[in-house]
Amino acid sequence: MALSVSAVVLMLVIVWVLVRRSGLKLTHAIVCALLGFYLASSSIAPSIQQVTANVAGMINGLKL
């Protein structure tokens, strides 16, 4: 659960920066958010969650 909350906060920050600095329109951000909700309820959602968990595990394993 902590991973998904952290990922959501990170994505919200990225979208906020894109809206404020890069000229992303608010309507485009809303459409992307709706796409996320539809993807979460689709049959591909477990695959997306697995890939996200694997990437987070790889990032966690990096030695800097």
N, C-alpha and C. Protein backbone atom coordinates (compact mmCIF):
# COMPACT_ATOMS: atom_id res chain seq x y z
N MET A 1 0.81 -1.20 0.00
CA MET A 1 0.00 0.00 0.00
C MET A 1 0.85 1.25 0.00
N ALA A 2 1.93 1.25 0.74
CA ALA A 2 2.80 2.43 0.80
C ALA A 2 3.40 2.74 -0.56
N LEU A 3 3.71 1.69 -1.31
CA LEU A 3 4.27 1.90 -2.64
C LEU A 3 3.26 2.60 -3.54
N SER A 4 2.01 2.18 -3.52
CA SER A 4 1.03 2.79 -4.41
C SER A 4 0.74 4.23 -4.01
N VAL A 5 0.73 4.53 -2.71
CA VAL A 5 0.51 5.91 -2.26
C VAL A 5 1.68 6.77 -2.69
N SER A 6 2.91 6.28 -2.54
CA SER A 6 4.08 7.04 -2.96
C SER A 6 4.07 7.27 -4.47
N ALA A 7 3.69 6.27 -5.22
CA ALA A 7 3.63 6.40 -6.68
C ALA A 7 2.58 7.42 -7.08
N VAL A 8 1.44 7.41 -6.41
CA VAL A 8 0.38 8.37 -6.73
C VAL A 8 0.84 9.79 -6.43
N VAL A 9 1.48 9.98 -5.29
CA VAL A 9 1.97 11.32 -4.93
C VAL A 9 3.02 11.77 -5.94
N LEU A 10 3.93 10.89 -6.32
CA LEU A 10 4.95 11.24 -7.31
C LEU A 10 4.32 11.63 -8.64
N MET A 11 3.33 10.86 -9.08
CA MET A 11 2.67 11.17 -10.35
C MET A 11 1.89 12.48 -10.27
N LEU A 12 1.26 12.74 -9.13
CA LEU A 12 0.56 14.02 -8.97
C LEU A 12 1.52 15.20 -9.05
N VAL A 13 2.69 15.06 -8.44
CA VAL A 13 3.69 16.12 -8.51
C VAL A 13 4.16 16.32 -9.94
N ILE A 14 4.40 15.24 -10.65
CA ILE A 14 4.84 15.34 -12.05
C ILE A 14 3.78 16.02 -12.90
N VAL A 15 2.53 15.63 -12.74
CA VAL A 15 1.45 16.25 -13.51
C VAL A 15 1.32 17.72 -13.16
N TRP A 16 1.44 18.07 -11.88
CA TRP A 16 1.34 19.47 -11.46
C TRP A 16 2.46 20.29 -12.12
N VAL A 17 3.69 19.74 -12.12
CA VAL A 17 4.81 20.45 -12.75
C VAL A 17 4.57 20.60 -14.25
N LEU A 18 4.07 19.55 -14.89
CA LEU A 18 3.80 19.63 -16.32
C LEU A 18 2.72 20.66 -16.63
N VAL A 19 1.71 20.74 -15.80
CA VAL A 19 0.64 21.73 -16.02
C VAL A 19 1.19 23.13 -15.84
N ARG A 20 1.99 23.34 -14.79
CA ARG A 20 2.48 24.68 -14.47
C ARG A 20 3.62 25.13 -15.39
N ARG A 21 4.54 24.25 -15.72
CA ARG A 21 5.77 24.65 -16.41
C ARG A 21 5.82 24.30 -17.89
N SER A 22 5.30 23.17 -18.27
CA SER A 22 5.49 22.68 -19.63
C SER A 22 4.31 22.92 -20.55
N GLY A 23 3.30 23.59 -20.07
CA GLY A 23 2.18 23.91 -20.93
C GLY A 23 1.17 22.80 -21.12
N LEU A 24 1.21 21.77 -20.27
CA LEU A 24 0.19 20.73 -20.34
C LEU A 24 -1.14 21.34 -19.92
N LYS A 25 -2.14 21.15 -20.73
CA LYS A 25 -3.44 21.72 -20.41
C LYS A 25 -4.15 20.87 -19.37
N LEU A 26 -4.93 21.51 -18.54
CA LEU A 26 -5.64 20.81 -17.48
C LEU A 26 -6.57 19.75 -18.06
N THR A 27 -7.18 20.03 -19.19
CA THR A 27 -8.07 19.04 -19.80
C THR A 27 -7.31 17.79 -20.22
N HIS A 28 -6.08 17.96 -20.70
CA HIS A 28 -5.26 16.80 -21.06
C HIS A 28 -4.93 15.97 -19.82
N ALA A 29 -4.62 16.64 -18.73
CA ALA A 29 -4.32 15.93 -17.48
C ALA A 29 -5.54 15.16 -16.99
N ILE A 30 -6.72 15.74 -17.13
CA ILE A 30 -7.95 15.07 -16.71
C ILE A 30 -8.21 13.84 -17.57
N VAL A 31 -7.98 13.96 -18.87
CA VAL A 31 -8.16 12.81 -19.76
C VAL A 31 -7.19 11.69 -19.39
N CYS A 32 -5.95 12.05 -19.08
CA CYS A 32 -4.97 11.04 -18.66
C CYS A 32 -5.40 10.37 -17.35
N ALA A 33 -5.95 11.14 -16.42
CA ALA A 33 -6.43 10.58 -15.15
C ALA A 33 -7.59 9.62 -15.40
N LEU A 34 -8.50 9.99 -16.28
CA LEU A 34 -9.62 9.10 -16.61
C LEU A 34 -9.12 7.81 -17.27
N LEU A 35 -8.11 7.94 -18.12
CA LEU A 35 -7.53 6.75 -18.73
C LEU A 35 -6.96 5.84 -17.64
N GLY A 36 -6.33 6.42 -16.64
CA GLY A 36 -5.80 5.63 -15.53
C GLY A 36 -6.88 4.86 -14.80
N PHE A 37 -8.03 5.51 -14.58
CA PHE A 37 -9.13 4.83 -13.91
C PHE A 37 -9.66 3.68 -14.77
N TYR A 38 -9.77 3.88 -16.07
CA TYR A 38 -10.23 2.81 -16.94
C TYR A 38 -9.22 1.67 -17.00
N LEU A 39 -7.93 1.99 -17.03
CA LEU A 39 -6.91 0.95 -17.02
C LEU A 39 -6.93 0.16 -15.72
N ALA A 40 -7.20 0.83 -14.61
CA ALA A 40 -7.23 0.14 -13.31
C ALA A 40 -8.36 -0.88 -13.24
N SER A 41 -9.42 -0.67 -13.98
CA SER A 41 -10.53 -1.61 -13.94
C SER A 41 -10.50 -2.61 -15.11
N SER A 42 -9.45 -2.55 -15.91
CA SER A 42 -9.36 -3.46 -17.05
C SER A 42 -8.62 -4.74 -16.67
N SER A 43 -8.55 -5.65 -17.61
CA SER A 43 -7.87 -6.92 -17.36
C SER A 43 -6.36 -6.79 -17.39
N ILE A 44 -5.85 -5.68 -17.86
CA ILE A 44 -4.40 -5.47 -17.91
C ILE A 44 -3.85 -4.88 -16.61
N ALA A 45 -4.73 -4.51 -15.68
CA ALA A 45 -4.31 -3.88 -14.42
C ALA A 45 -3.30 -4.72 -13.62
N PRO A 46 -3.49 -6.04 -13.46
CA PRO A 46 -2.48 -6.81 -12.71
C PRO A 46 -1.09 -6.78 -13.37
N SER A 47 -1.05 -6.77 -14.68
CA SER A 47 0.24 -6.71 -15.38
C SER A 47 0.91 -5.37 -15.14
N ILE A 48 0.15 -4.29 -15.18
CA ILE A 48 0.70 -2.96 -14.92
C ILE A 48 1.21 -2.88 -13.50
N GLN A 49 0.46 -3.44 -12.56
CA GLN A 49 0.88 -3.42 -11.16
C GLN A 49 2.16 -4.23 -10.96
N GLN A 50 2.28 -5.35 -11.63
CA GLN A 50 3.49 -6.18 -11.52
C GLN A 50 4.70 -5.46 -12.09
N VAL A 51 4.55 -4.82 -13.24
CA VAL A 51 5.66 -4.07 -13.84
C VAL A 51 6.08 -2.93 -12.91
N THR A 52 5.11 -2.23 -12.36
CA THR A 52 5.41 -1.13 -11.45
C THR A 52 6.15 -1.63 -10.21
N ALA A 53 5.73 -2.75 -9.67
CA ALA A 53 6.40 -3.33 -8.50
C ALA A 53 7.83 -3.76 -8.85
N ASN A 54 8.02 -4.33 -10.03
CA ASN A 54 9.36 -4.74 -10.45
C ASN A 54 10.29 -3.54 -10.63
N VAL A 55 9.79 -2.48 -11.24
CA VAL A 55 10.60 -1.27 -11.42
C VAL A 55 10.95 -0.66 -10.06
N ALA A 56 9.98 -0.62 -9.16
CA ALA A 56 10.24 -0.09 -7.83
C ALA A 56 11.28 -0.94 -7.10
N GLY A 57 11.23 -2.24 -7.27
CA GLY A 57 12.22 -3.12 -6.67
C GLY A 57 13.61 -2.90 -7.25
N MET A 58 13.68 -2.68 -8.57
CA MET A 58 14.96 -2.39 -9.19
C MET A 58 15.54 -1.07 -8.68
N ILE A 59 14.70 -0.06 -8.56
CA ILE A 59 15.16 1.24 -8.06
C ILE A 59 15.60 1.12 -6.61
N ASN A 60 14.88 0.34 -5.83
CA ASN A 60 15.23 0.12 -4.43
C ASN A 60 16.57 -0.61 -4.30
N GLY A 61 16.90 -1.44 -5.27
CA GLY A 61 18.13 -2.21 -5.21
C GLY A 61 19.36 -1.47 -5.70
N LEU A 62 19.18 -0.27 -6.25
CA LEU A 62 20.34 0.50 -6.73
C LEU A 62 21.20 0.96 -5.58
N LYS A 63 22.49 0.85 -5.76
CA LYS A 63 23.45 1.34 -4.76
C LYS A 63 24.05 2.64 -5.30
N LEU A 64 23.74 3.73 -4.66
CA LEU A 64 24.27 5.04 -5.11
C LEU A 64 25.37 5.52 -4.21
